[in-house]
Amino acid sequence: MQCRALSNPKIEVLWNSKVTEAYEERSLGGLKENNMMSGEVTDFNVYEFFFAIGHELATKFLDGQLEVDSDGYVIMRSALAWLGDRNECAVNDEIQVKLPTTMRKSVSSWCL
């Protein structure tokens, strides 16, 4: 996602910044952004925006004790999430169920 966003000419990334105000006329009309490094405040006339935060899995401490995929998610052997030969159990946040896109959309809609 990061590479796609950074290479898209329609997206302006504002690093080390926070939105201090959003103003509207029936829908979003603009934002006031504060750069945390310089203290500079900037007004932007926008009609949409996207917040992105970093994501790092909390599985690094396992250091090879459990099997993980190339993305760092614990590999499940069954739907019960019991792993390995020592009866380890994966914590819900560290398990990624890789579903087909249509099913993911259905599950997401259902969860909301």
PDB file of N, CA and C in Angstrom:
ATOM      1  N   MET A   1       0.822  -1.183   0.000  1.00  0.00           N
ATOM      2  CA  MET A   1       0.000   0.000   0.000  1.00  0.00           C
ATOM      3  C   MET A   1       0.873   1.256   0.000  1.00  0.00           C
ATOM      4  N   GLN A   2       1.940   1.237   0.771  1.00  0.00           N
ATOM      5  CA  GLN A   2       2.794   2.420   0.876  1.00  0.00           C
ATOM      6  C   GLN A   2       3.403   2.787  -0.472  1.00  0.00           C
ATOM      7  N   CYS A   3       3.928   1.802  -1.193  1.00  0.00           N
ATOM      8  CA  CYS A   3       4.547   2.084  -2.494  1.00  0.00           C
ATOM      9  C   CYS A   3       3.533   2.646  -3.475  1.00  0.00           C
ATOM     10  N   ARG A   4       2.333   2.076  -3.486  1.00  0.00           N
ATOM     11  CA  ARG A   4       1.293   2.563  -4.396  1.00  0.00           C
ATOM     12  C   ARG A   4       0.900   3.998  -4.057  1.00  0.00           C
ATOM     13  N   ALA A   5       0.750   4.302  -2.787  1.00  0.00           N
ATOM     14  CA  ALA A   5       0.360   5.659  -2.387  1.00  0.00           C
ATOM     15  C   ALA A   5       1.457   6.667  -2.728  1.00  0.00           C
ATOM     16  N   LEU A   6       2.700   6.322  -2.445  1.00  0.00           N
ATOM     17  CA  LEU A   6       3.804   7.250  -2.702  1.00  0.00           C
ATOM     18  C   LEU A   6       4.024   7.506  -4.187  1.00  0.00           C
ATOM     19  N   SER A   7       3.690   6.536  -5.035  1.00  0.00           N
ATOM     20  CA  SER A   7       3.903   6.717  -6.472  1.00  0.00           C
ATOM     21  C   SER A   7       2.681   7.301  -7.188  1.00  0.00           C
ATOM     22  N   ASN A   8       1.585   7.522  -6.475  1.00  0.00           N
ATOM     23  CA  ASN A   8       0.372   8.072  -7.081  1.00  0.00           C
ATOM     24  C   ASN A   8       0.456   9.604  -7.094  1.00  0.00           C
ATOM     25  N   PRO A   9       0.432  10.225  -8.279  1.00  0.00           N
ATOM     26  CA  PRO A   9       0.559  11.686  -8.344  1.00  0.00           C
ATOM     27  C   PRO A   9      -0.637  12.434  -7.745  1.00  0.00           C
ATOM     28  N   LYS A  10      -1.751  11.755  -7.521  1.00  0.00           N
ATOM     29  CA  LYS A  10      -2.933  12.403  -6.949  1.00  0.00           C
ATOM     30  C   LYS A  10      -2.888  12.456  -5.422  1.00  0.00           C
ATOM     31  N   ILE A  11      -1.907  11.783  -4.825  1.00  0.00           N
ATOM     32  CA  ILE A  11      -1.827  11.703  -3.362  1.00  0.00           C
ATOM     33  C   ILE A  11      -0.657  12.539  -2.864  1.00  0.00           C
ATOM     34  N   GLU A  12      -0.928  13.398  -1.891  1.00  0.00           N
ATOM     35  CA  GLU A  12       0.131  14.158  -1.231  1.00  0.00           C
ATOM     36  C   GLU A  12       0.270  13.617   0.188  1.00  0.00           C
ATOM     37  N   VAL A  13       1.439  13.084   0.495  1.00  0.00           N
ATOM     38  CA  VAL A  13       1.689  12.510   1.814  1.00  0.00           C
ATOM     39  C   VAL A  13       2.209  13.608   2.733  1.00  0.00           C
ATOM     40  N   LEU A  14       1.605  13.749   3.889  1.00  0.00           N
ATOM     41  CA  LEU A  14       2.030  14.736   4.883  1.00  0.00           C
ATOM     42  C   LEU A  14       2.622  13.977   6.068  1.00  0.00           C
ATOM     43  N   TRP A  15       3.937  13.896   6.112  1.00  0.00           N
ATOM     44  CA  TRP A  15       4.615  13.161   7.176  1.00  0.00           C
ATOM     45  C   TRP A  15       4.642  13.996   8.455  1.00  0.00           C
ATOM     46  N   ASN A  16       4.673  13.319   9.594  1.00  0.00           N
ATOM     47  CA  ASN A  16       4.816  13.975  10.901  1.00  0.00           C
ATOM     48  C   ASN A  16       3.823  15.112  11.082  1.00  0.00           C
ATOM     49  N   SER A  17       2.594  14.872  10.722  1.00  0.00           N
ATOM     50  CA  SER A  17       1.561  15.904  10.773  1.00  0.00           C
ATOM     51  C   SER A  17       0.324  15.398  11.478  1.00  0.00           C
ATOM     52  N   LYS A  18      -0.478  16.344  11.938  1.00  0.00           N
ATOM     53  CA  LYS A  18      -1.772  15.977  12.508  1.00  0.00           C
ATOM     54  C   LYS A  18      -2.822  16.963  12.010  1.00  0.00           C
ATOM     55  N   VAL A  19      -4.032  16.452  11.838  1.00  0.00           N
ATOM     56  CA  VAL A  19      -5.152  17.299  11.446  1.00  0.00           C
ATOM     57  C   VAL A  19      -5.693  17.936  12.716  1.00  0.00           C
ATOM     58  N   THR A  20      -5.734  19.257  12.745  1.00  0.00           N
ATOM     59  CA  THR A  20      -6.219  19.953  13.939  1.00  0.00           C
ATOM     60  C   THR A  20      -7.645  20.445  13.778  1.00  0.00           C
ATOM     61  N   GLU A  21      -8.122  20.487  12.528  1.00  0.00           N
ATOM     62  CA  GLU A  21      -9.484  20.963  12.290  1.00  0.00           C
ATOM     63  C   GLU A  21      -9.957  20.449  10.937  1.00  0.00           C
ATOM     64  N   ALA A  22     -11.209  20.072  10.872  1.00  0.00           N
ATOM     65  CA  ALA A  22     -11.861  19.739   9.600  1.00  0.00           C
ATOM     66  C   ALA A  22     -13.093  20.614   9.504  1.00  0.00           C
ATOM     67  N   TYR A  23     -13.274  21.291   8.392  1.00  0.00           N
ATOM     68  CA  TYR A  23     -14.438  22.160   8.254  1.00  0.00           C
ATOM     69  C   TYR A  23     -15.254  21.740   7.043  1.00  0.00           C
ATOM     70  N   GLU A  24     -16.502  22.142   7.062  1.00  0.00           N
ATOM     71  CA  GLU A  24     -17.428  21.607   6.074  1.00  0.00           C
ATOM     72  C   GLU A  24     -18.498  22.608   5.665  1.00  0.00           C
ATOM     73  N   GLU A  25     -19.061  22.330   4.539  1.00  0.00           N
ATOM     74  CA  GLU A  25     -20.290  22.946   4.048  1.00  0.00           C
ATOM     75  C   GLU A  25     -21.077  21.797   3.442  1.00  0.00           C
ATOM     76  N   ARG A  26     -21.910  21.152   4.204  1.00  0.00           N
ATOM     77  CA  ARG A  26     -22.680  19.963   3.823  1.00  0.00           C
ATOM     78  C   ARG A  26     -21.809  18.712   3.766  1.00  0.00           C
ATOM     79  N   SER A  27     -20.568  18.824   3.311  1.00  0.00           N
ATOM     80  CA  SER A  27     -19.615  17.716   3.318  1.00  0.00           C
ATOM     81  C   SER A  27     -18.234  18.315   3.571  1.00  0.00           C
ATOM     82  N   LEU A  28     -17.227  17.484   3.659  1.00  0.00           N
ATOM     83  CA  LEU A  28     -15.881  17.971   3.955  1.00  0.00           C
ATOM     84  C   LEU A  28     -15.447  19.020   2.937  1.00  0.00           C
ATOM     85  N   GLY A  29     -14.966  20.145   3.424  1.00  0.00           N
ATOM     86  CA  GLY A  29     -14.525  21.227   2.548  1.00  0.00           C
ATOM     87  C   GLY A  29     -13.056  21.552   2.708  1.00  0.00           C
ATOM     88  N   GLY A  30     -12.481  21.216   3.860  1.00  0.00           N
ATOM     89  CA  GLY A  30     -11.076  21.520   4.062  1.00  0.00           C
ATOM     90  C   GLY A  30     -10.553  21.008   5.383  1.00  0.00           C
ATOM     91  N   LEU A  31      -9.239  21.073   5.520  1.00  0.00           N
ATOM     92  CA  LEU A  31      -8.540  20.622   6.725  1.00  0.00           C
ATOM     93  C   LEU A  31      -7.502  21.648   7.127  1.00  0.00           C
ATOM     94  N   LYS A  32      -7.247  21.696   8.407  1.00  0.00           N
ATOM     95  CA  LYS A  32      -6.129  22.474   8.929  1.00  0.00           C
ATOM     96  C   LYS A  32      -5.138  21.439   9.457  1.00  0.00           C
ATOM     97  N   GLU A  33      -3.909  21.488   8.934  1.00  0.00           N
ATOM     98  CA  GLU A  33      -2.879  20.505   9.267  1.00  0.00           C
ATOM     99  C   GLU A  33      -1.733  21.182   9.988  1.00  0.00           C
ATOM    100  N   ASN A  34      -1.226  20.529  11.027  1.00  0.00           N
ATOM    101  CA  ASN A  34      -0.113  21.051  11.809  1.00  0.00           C
ATOM    102  C   ASN A  34       1.072  20.109  11.651  1.00  0.00           C
ATOM    103  N   ASN A  35       2.176  20.605  11.077  1.00  0.00           N
ATOM    104  CA  ASN A  35       3.387  19.813  10.945  1.00  0.00           C
ATOM    105  C   ASN A  35       4.070  19.750  12.306  1.00  0.00           C
ATOM    106  N   MET A  36       4.234  18.557  12.832  1.00  0.00           N
ATOM    107  CA  MET A  36       4.767  18.376  14.185  1.00  0.00           C
ATOM    108  C   MET A  36       6.256  18.702  14.283  1.00  0.00           C
ATOM    109  N   MET A  37       6.971  18.692  13.168  1.00  0.00           N
ATOM    110  CA  MET A  37       8.406  18.980  13.195  1.00  0.00           C
ATOM    111  C   MET A  37       8.679  20.488  13.123  1.00  0.00           C
ATOM    112  N   SER A  38       7.976  21.175  12.220  1.00  0.00           N
ATOM    113  CA  SER A  38       8.246  22.602  12.007  1.00  0.00           C
ATOM    114  C   SER A  38       7.280  23.512  12.755  1.00  0.00           C
ATOM    115  N   GLY A  39       6.127  22.967  13.160  1.00  0.00           N
ATOM    116  CA  GLY A  39       5.106  23.779  13.800  1.00  0.00           C
ATOM    117  C   GLY A  39       4.234  24.549  12.817  1.00  0.00           C
ATOM    118  N   GLU A  40       4.547  24.439  11.528  1.00  0.00           N
ATOM    119  CA  GLU A  40       3.788  25.152  10.490  1.00  0.00           C
ATOM    120  C   GLU A  40       2.356  24.615  10.397  1.00  0.00           C
ATOM    121  N   VAL A  41       1.394  25.535  10.286  1.00  0.00           N
ATOM    122  CA  VAL A  41      -0.020  25.180  10.127  1.00  0.00           C
ATOM    123  C   VAL A  41      -0.426  25.529   8.701  1.00  0.00           C
ATOM    124  N   THR A  42      -1.068  24.576   8.021  1.00  0.00           N
ATOM    125  CA  THR A  42      -1.466  24.760   6.627  1.00  0.00           C
ATOM    126  C   THR A  42      -2.939  24.439   6.461  1.00  0.00           C
ATOM    127  N   ASP A  43      -3.635  25.248   5.657  1.00  0.00           N
ATOM    128  CA  ASP A  43      -5.027  24.974   5.292  1.00  0.00           C
ATOM    129  C   ASP A  43      -5.053  24.264   3.947  1.00  0.00           C
ATOM    130  N   PHE A  44      -5.863  23.213   3.853  1.00  0.00           N
ATOM    131  CA  PHE A  44      -6.036  22.485   2.603  1.00  0.00           C
ATOM    132  C   PHE A  44      -7.512  22.472   2.241  1.00  0.00           C
ATOM    133  N   ASN A  45      -7.833  22.829   1.007  1.00  0.00           N
ATOM    134  CA  ASN A  45      -9.191  22.675   0.497  1.00  0.00           C
ATOM    135  C   ASN A  45      -9.290  21.264  -0.073  1.00  0.00           C
ATOM    136  N   VAL A  46      -9.965  20.396   0.630  1.00  0.00           N
ATOM    137  CA  VAL A  46     -10.098  18.997   0.208  1.00  0.00           C
ATOM    138  C   VAL A  46     -11.542  18.549   0.377  1.00  0.00           C
ATOM    139  N   TYR A  47     -11.903  17.513  -0.335  1.00  0.00           N
ATOM    140  CA  TYR A  47     -13.231  16.929  -0.159  1.00  0.00           C
ATOM    141  C   TYR A  47     -13.148  15.504   0.365  1.00  0.00           C
ATOM    142  N   GLU A  48     -11.929  14.962   0.483  1.00  0.00           N
ATOM    143  CA  GLU A  48     -11.751  13.662   1.122  1.00  0.00           C
ATOM    144  C   GLU A  48     -10.309  13.541   1.596  1.00  0.00           C
ATOM    145  N   PHE A  49     -10.105  12.693   2.596  1.00  0.00           N
ATOM    146  CA  PHE A  49      -8.753  12.435   3.067  1.00  0.00           C
ATOM    147  C   PHE A  49      -8.698  11.049   3.684  1.00  0.00           C
ATOM    148  N   PHE A  50      -7.486  10.535   3.868  1.00  0.00           N
ATOM    149  CA  PHE A  50      -7.265   9.189   4.362  1.00  0.00           C
ATOM    150  C   PHE A  50      -6.169   9.238   5.414  1.00  0.00           C
ATOM    151  N   PHE A  51      -6.436   8.673   6.577  1.00  0.00           N
ATOM    152  CA  PHE A  51      -5.423   8.557   7.623  1.00  0.00           C
ATOM    153  C   PHE A  51      -4.741   7.207   7.486  1.00  0.00           C
ATOM    154  N   ALA A  52      -3.433   7.170   7.548  1.00  0.00           N
ATOM    155  CA  ALA A  52      -2.698   5.906   7.522  1.00  0.00           C
ATOM    156  C   ALA A  52      -1.767   5.865   8.723  1.00  0.00           C
ATOM    157  N   ILE A  53      -1.730   4.716   9.350  1.00  0.00           N
ATOM    158  CA  ILE A  53      -0.811   4.512  10.468  1.00  0.00           C
ATOM    159  C   ILE A  53       0.027   3.286  10.155  1.00  0.00           C
ATOM    160  N   GLY A  54       1.152   3.163  10.789  1.00  0.00           N
ATOM    161  CA  GLY A  54       1.996   2.001  10.577  1.00  0.00           C
ATOM    162  C   GLY A  54       1.387   0.748  11.170  1.00  0.00           C
ATOM    163  N   HIS A  55       1.853  -0.389  10.675  1.00  0.00           N
ATOM    164  CA  HIS A  55       1.353  -1.661  11.189  1.00  0.00           C
ATOM    165  C   HIS A  55       2.531  -2.610  11.308  1.00  0.00           C
ATOM    166  N   GLU A  56       2.800  -3.061  12.498  1.00  0.00           N
ATOM    167  CA  GLU A  56       3.855  -4.044  12.719  1.00  0.00           C
ATOM    168  C   GLU A  56       3.294  -5.108  13.644  1.00  0.00           C
ATOM    169  N   LEU A  57       3.381  -6.349  13.209  1.00  0.00           N
ATOM    170  CA  LEU A  57       2.838  -7.441  14.014  1.00  0.00           C
ATOM    171  C   LEU A  57       3.632  -7.625  15.298  1.00  0.00           C
ATOM    172  N   ALA A  58       2.954  -8.075  16.309  1.00  0.00           N
ATOM    173  CA  ALA A  58       3.592  -8.315  17.607  1.00  0.00           C
ATOM    174  C   ALA A  58       4.044  -9.767  17.724  1.00  0.00           C
ATOM    175  N   THR A  59       4.604 -10.328  16.645  1.00  0.00           N
ATOM    176  CA  THR A  59       5.055 -11.721  16.682  1.00  0.00           C
ATOM    177  C   THR A  59       6.574 -11.840  16.663  1.00  0.00           C
ATOM    178  N   LYS A  60       7.295 -10.735  16.607  1.00  0.00           N
ATOM    179  CA  LYS A  60       8.758 -10.797  16.532  1.00  0.00           C
ATOM    180  C   LYS A  60       9.383 -11.465  17.757  1.00  0.00           C
ATOM    181  N   PHE A  61       8.748 -11.316  18.915  1.00  0.00           N
ATOM    182  CA  PHE A  61       9.302 -11.897  20.139  1.00  0.00           C
ATOM    183  C   PHE A  61       9.327 -13.425  20.077  1.00  0.00           C
ATOM    184  N   LEU A  62       8.547 -14.021  19.194  1.00  0.00           N
ATOM    185  CA  LEU A  62       8.513 -15.478  19.078  1.00  0.00           C
ATOM    186  C   LEU A  62       9.811 -16.019  18.495  1.00  0.00           C
ATOM    187  N   ASP A  63      10.509 -15.212  17.698  1.00  0.00           N
ATOM    188  CA  ASP A  63      11.833 -15.526  17.169  1.00  0.00           C
ATOM    189  C   ASP A  63      11.961 -16.969  16.694  1.00  0.00           C
ATOM    190  N   GLY A  64      11.088 -17.377  15.785  1.00  0.00           N
ATOM    191  CA  GLY A  64      11.178 -18.707  15.202  1.00  0.00           C
ATOM    192  C   GLY A  64      10.575 -19.824  16.030  1.00  0.00           C
ATOM    193  N   GLN A  65       9.963 -19.508  17.162  1.00  0.00           N
ATOM    194  CA  GLN A  65       9.372 -20.550  18.001  1.00  0.00           C
ATOM    195  C   GLN A  65       8.095 -21.114  17.396  1.00  0.00           C
ATOM    196  N   LEU A  66       7.359 -20.276  16.648  1.00  0.00           N
ATOM    197  CA  LEU A  66       6.154 -20.713  15.952  1.00  0.00           C
ATOM    198  C   LEU A  66       6.328 -20.426  14.469  1.00  0.00           C
ATOM    199  N   GLU A  67       5.640 -21.183  13.652  1.00  0.00           N
ATOM    200  CA  GLU A  67       5.732 -20.994  12.214  1.00  0.00           C
ATOM    201  C   GLU A  67       4.870 -19.800  11.788  1.00  0.00           C
ATOM    202  N   VAL A  68       5.488 -18.876  11.046  1.00  0.00           N
ATOM    203  CA  VAL A  68       4.769 -17.710  10.537  1.00  0.00           C
ATOM    204  C   VAL A  68       4.947 -17.648   9.024  1.00  0.00           C
ATOM    205  N   ASP A  69       4.015 -16.963   8.335  1.00  0.00           N
ATOM    206  CA  ASP A  69       4.140 -16.820   6.887  1.00  0.00           C
ATOM    207  C   ASP A  69       5.072 -15.657   6.557  1.00  0.00           C
ATOM    208  N   SER A  70       5.241 -15.374   5.269  1.00  0.00           N
ATOM    209  CA  SER A  70       6.184 -14.328   4.845  1.00  0.00           C
ATOM    210  C   SER A  70       5.780 -12.935   5.319  1.00  0.00           C
ATOM    211  N   ASP A  71       4.500 -12.743   5.677  1.00  0.00           N
ATOM    212  CA  ASP A  71       4.033 -11.457   6.198  1.00  0.00           C
ATOM    213  C   ASP A  71       4.150 -11.363   7.716  1.00  0.00           C
ATOM    214  N   GLY A  72       4.530 -12.465   8.388  1.00  0.00           N
ATOM    215  CA  GLY A  72       4.683 -12.461   9.835  1.00  0.00           C
ATOM    216  C   GLY A  72       3.485 -12.965  10.609  1.00  0.00           C
ATOM    217  N   TYR A  73       2.423 -13.403   9.911  1.00  0.00           N
ATOM    218  CA  TYR A  73       1.235 -13.916  10.592  1.00  0.00           C
ATOM    219  C   TYR A  73       1.435 -15.380  10.969  1.00  0.00           C
ATOM    220  N   VAL A  74       0.947 -15.767  12.144  1.00  0.00           N
ATOM    221  CA  VAL A  74       1.043 -17.144  12.609  1.00  0.00           C
ATOM    222  C   VAL A  74       0.237 -18.038  11.676  1.00  0.00           C
ATOM    223  N   ILE A  75       0.846 -19.156  11.254  1.00  0.00           N
ATOM    224  CA  ILE A  75       0.170 -20.088  10.354  1.00  0.00           C
ATOM    225  C   ILE A  75      -0.707 -21.022  11.173  1.00  0.00           C
ATOM    226  N   MET A  76      -1.981 -21.068  10.811  1.00  0.00           N
ATOM    227  CA  MET A  76      -2.950 -21.919  11.514  1.00  0.00           C
ATOM    228  C   MET A  76      -3.043 -23.268  10.819  1.00  0.00           C
ATOM    229  N   ARG A  77      -3.173 -24.326  11.596  1.00  0.00           N
ATOM    230  CA  ARG A  77      -3.354 -25.670  11.051  1.00  0.00           C
ATOM    231  C   ARG A  77      -4.830 -26.001  10.883  1.00  0.00           C
ATOM    232  N   SER A  78      -5.669 -25.334  11.646  1.00  0.00           N
ATOM    233  CA  SER A  78      -7.112 -25.555  11.548  1.00  0.00           C
ATOM    234  C   SER A  78      -7.809 -24.294  12.031  1.00  0.00           C
ATOM    235  N   ALA A  79      -9.106 -24.300  11.995  1.00  0.00           N
ATOM    236  CA  ALA A  79      -9.880 -23.137  12.436  1.00  0.00           C
ATOM    237  C   ALA A  79      -9.779 -22.915  13.939  1.00  0.00           C
ATOM    238  N   LEU A  80      -9.262 -23.888  14.680  1.00  0.00           N
ATOM    239  CA  LEU A  80      -9.197 -23.762  16.137  1.00  0.00           C
ATOM    240  C   LEU A  80      -7.983 -22.984  16.632  1.00  0.00           C
ATOM    241  N   ALA A  81      -7.025 -22.727  15.758  1.00  0.00           N
ATOM    242  CA  ALA A  81      -5.835 -21.934  16.076  1.00  0.00           C
ATOM    243  C   ALA A  81      -4.888 -22.588  17.070  1.00  0.00           C
ATOM    244  N   TRP A  82      -4.949 -23.921  17.218  1.00  0.00           N
ATOM    245  CA  TRP A  82      -3.942 -24.611  18.017  1.00  0.00           C
ATOM    246  C   TRP A  82      -2.773 -24.921  17.111  1.00  0.00           C
ATOM    247  N   LEU A  83      -1.558 -24.668  17.568  1.00  0.00           N
ATOM    248  CA  LEU A  83      -0.385 -24.737  16.712  1.00  0.00           C
ATOM    249  C   LEU A  83       0.680 -25.647  17.284  1.00  0.00           C
ATOM    250  N   GLY A  84       1.497 -26.196  16.393  1.00  0.00           N
ATOM    251  CA  GLY A  84       2.691 -26.908  16.795  1.00  0.00           C
ATOM    252  C   GLY A  84       2.433 -28.165  17.603  1.00  0.00           C
ATOM    253  N   ASP A  85       3.513 -28.721  18.121  1.00  0.00           N
ATOM    254  CA  ASP A  85       3.447 -29.961  18.892  1.00  0.00           C
ATOM    255  C   ASP A  85       3.330 -29.705  20.386  1.00  0.00           C
ATOM    256  N   ARG A  86       3.465 -28.451  20.820  1.00  0.00           N
ATOM    257  CA  ARG A  86       3.492 -28.156  22.254  1.00  0.00           C
ATOM    258  C   ARG A  86       2.201 -27.502  22.720  1.00  0.00           C
ATOM    259  N   ASN A  87       1.132 -27.633  21.962  1.00  0.00           N
ATOM    260  CA  ASN A  87      -0.172 -27.058  22.312  1.00  0.00           C
ATOM    261  C   ASN A  87      -0.142 -25.539  22.465  1.00  0.00           C
ATOM    262  N   GLU A  88       0.597 -24.847  21.585  1.00  0.00           N
ATOM    263  CA  GLU A  88       0.560 -23.389  21.603  1.00  0.00           C
ATOM    264  C   GLU A  88      -0.765 -22.932  21.009  1.00  0.00           C
ATOM    265  N   CYS A  89      -1.231 -21.800  21.470  1.00  0.00           N
ATOM    266  CA  CYS A  89      -2.464 -21.237  20.932  1.00  0.00           C
ATOM    267  C   CYS A  89      -2.166 -19.827  20.440  1.00  0.00           C
ATOM    268  N   ALA A  90      -2.551 -19.514  19.207  1.00  0.00           N
ATOM    269  CA  ALA A  90      -2.286 -18.193  18.644  1.00  0.00           C
ATOM    270  C   ALA A  90      -3.286 -17.182  19.176  1.00  0.00           C
ATOM    271  N   VAL A  91      -2.792 -15.975  19.434  1.00  0.00           N
ATOM    272  CA  VAL A  91      -3.653 -14.884  19.880  1.00  0.00           C
ATOM    273  C   VAL A  91      -4.359 -14.316  18.655  1.00  0.00           C
ATOM    274  N   ASN A  92      -5.604 -13.954  18.803  1.00  0.00           N
ATOM    275  CA  ASN A  92      -6.451 -13.532  17.691  1.00  0.00           C
ATOM    276  C   ASN A  92      -5.827 -12.452  16.816  1.00  0.00           C
ATOM    277  N   ASP A  93      -5.165 -11.447  17.399  1.00  0.00           N
ATOM    278  CA  ASP A  93      -4.604 -10.347  16.615  1.00  0.00           C
ATOM    279  C   ASP A  93      -3.464 -10.781  15.707  1.00  0.00           C
ATOM    280  N   GLU A  94      -2.821 -11.886  16.021  1.00  0.00           N
ATOM    281  CA  GLU A  94      -1.670 -12.337  15.251  1.00  0.00           C
ATOM    282  C   GLU A  94      -2.038 -13.376  14.203  1.00  0.00           C
ATOM    283  N   ILE A  95      -3.326 -13.635  14.025  1.00  0.00           N
ATOM    284  CA  ILE A  95      -3.771 -14.621  13.046  1.00  0.00           C
ATOM    285  C   ILE A  95      -4.422 -13.890  11.888  1.00  0.00           C
ATOM    286  N   GLN A  96      -3.997 -14.224  10.699  1.00  0.00           N
ATOM    287  CA  GLN A  96      -4.630 -13.651   9.519  1.00  0.00           C
ATOM    288  C   GLN A  96      -5.263 -14.783   8.736  1.00  0.00           C
ATOM    289  N   VAL A  97      -6.563 -14.727   8.583  1.00  0.00           N
ATOM    290  CA  VAL A  97      -7.252 -15.710   7.768  1.00  0.00           C
ATOM    291  C   VAL A  97      -7.307 -15.133   6.366  1.00  0.00           C
ATOM    292  N   LYS A  98      -6.665 -15.811   5.431  1.00  0.00           N
ATOM    293  CA  LYS A  98      -6.599 -15.304   4.065  1.00  0.00           C
ATOM    294  C   LYS A  98      -7.798 -15.830   3.287  1.00  0.00           C
ATOM    295  N   LEU A  99      -8.803 -14.983   3.148  1.00  0.00           N
ATOM    296  CA  LEU A  99     -10.046 -15.339   2.480  1.00  0.00           C
ATOM    297  C   LEU A  99     -10.076 -14.738   1.083  1.00  0.00           C
ATOM    298  N   PRO A 100     -10.873 -15.334   0.179  1.00  0.00           N
ATOM    299  CA  PRO A 100     -11.067 -14.694  -1.123  1.00  0.00           C
ATOM    300  C   PRO A 100     -11.660 -13.298  -0.935  1.00  0.00           C
ATOM    301  N   THR A 101     -11.369 -12.399  -1.855  1.00  0.00           N
ATOM    302  CA  THR A 101     -11.805 -11.007  -1.739  1.00  0.00           C
ATOM    303  C   THR A 101     -13.299 -10.878  -1.497  1.00  0.00           C
ATOM    304  N   THR A 102     -14.121 -11.620  -2.225  1.00  0.00           N
ATOM    305  CA  THR A 102     -15.570 -11.491  -2.055  1.00  0.00           C
ATOM    306  C   THR A 102     -15.992 -11.908  -0.659  1.00  0.00           C
ATOM    307  N   MET A 103     -15.366 -12.938  -0.124  1.00  0.00           N
ATOM    308  CA  MET A 103     -15.709 -13.383   1.223  1.00  0.00           C
ATOM    309  C   MET A 103     -15.247 -12.359   2.250  1.00  0.00           C
ATOM    310  N   ARG A 104     -14.056 -11.762   2.041  1.00  0.00           N
ATOM    311  CA  ARG A 104     -13.560 -10.740   2.964  1.00  0.00           C
ATOM    312  C   ARG A 104     -14.536  -9.585   3.036  1.00  0.00           C
ATOM    313  N   LYS A 105     -15.051  -9.155   1.874  1.00  0.00           N
ATOM    314  CA  LYS A 105     -16.003  -8.048   1.853  1.00  0.00           C
ATOM    315  C   LYS A 105     -17.274  -8.419   2.602  1.00  0.00           C
ATOM    316  N   SER A 106     -17.738  -9.634   2.419  1.00  0.00           N
ATOM    317  CA  SER A 106     -18.954 -10.074   3.108  1.00  0.00           C
ATOM    318  C   SER A 106     -18.742 -10.109   4.608  1.00  0.00           C
ATOM    319  N   VAL A 107     -17.610 -10.670   5.034  1.00  0.00           N
ATOM    320  CA  VAL A 107     -17.314 -10.758   6.465  1.00  0.00           C
ATOM    321  C   VAL A 107     -17.169  -9.367   7.054  1.00  0.00           C
ATOM    322  N   SER A 108     -16.471  -8.460   6.345  1.00  0.00           N
ATOM    323  CA  SER A 108     -16.306  -7.095   6.841  1.00  0.00           C
ATOM    324  C   SER A 108     -17.651  -6.409   7.001  1.00  0.00           C
ATOM    325  N   SER A 109     -18.519  -6.560   6.019  1.00  0.00           N
ATOM    326  CA  SER A 109     -19.840  -5.938   6.100  1.00  0.00           C
ATOM    327  C   SER A 109     -20.635  -6.507   7.257  1.00  0.00           C
ATOM    328  N   TRP A 110     -20.538  -7.814   7.435  1.00  0.00           N
ATOM    329  CA  TRP A 110     -21.271  -8.473   8.504  1.00  0.00           C
ATOM    330  C   TRP A 110     -20.766  -8.017   9.868  1.00  0.00           C
ATOM    331  N   CYS A 111     -19.436  -7.835  10.002  1.00  0.00           N
ATOM    332  CA  CYS A 111     -18.862  -7.437  11.292  1.00  0.00           C
ATOM    333  C   CYS A 111     -19.245  -6.020  11.675  1.00  0.00           C
ATOM    334  N   LEU A 112     -19.469  -5.148  10.704  1.00  0.00           N
ATOM    335  CA  LEU A 112     -19.838  -3.776  11.012  1.00  0.00           C
ATOM    336  C   LEU A 112     -21.213  -3.749  11.597  1.00  0.00           C
TER     337      LEU A 112
END
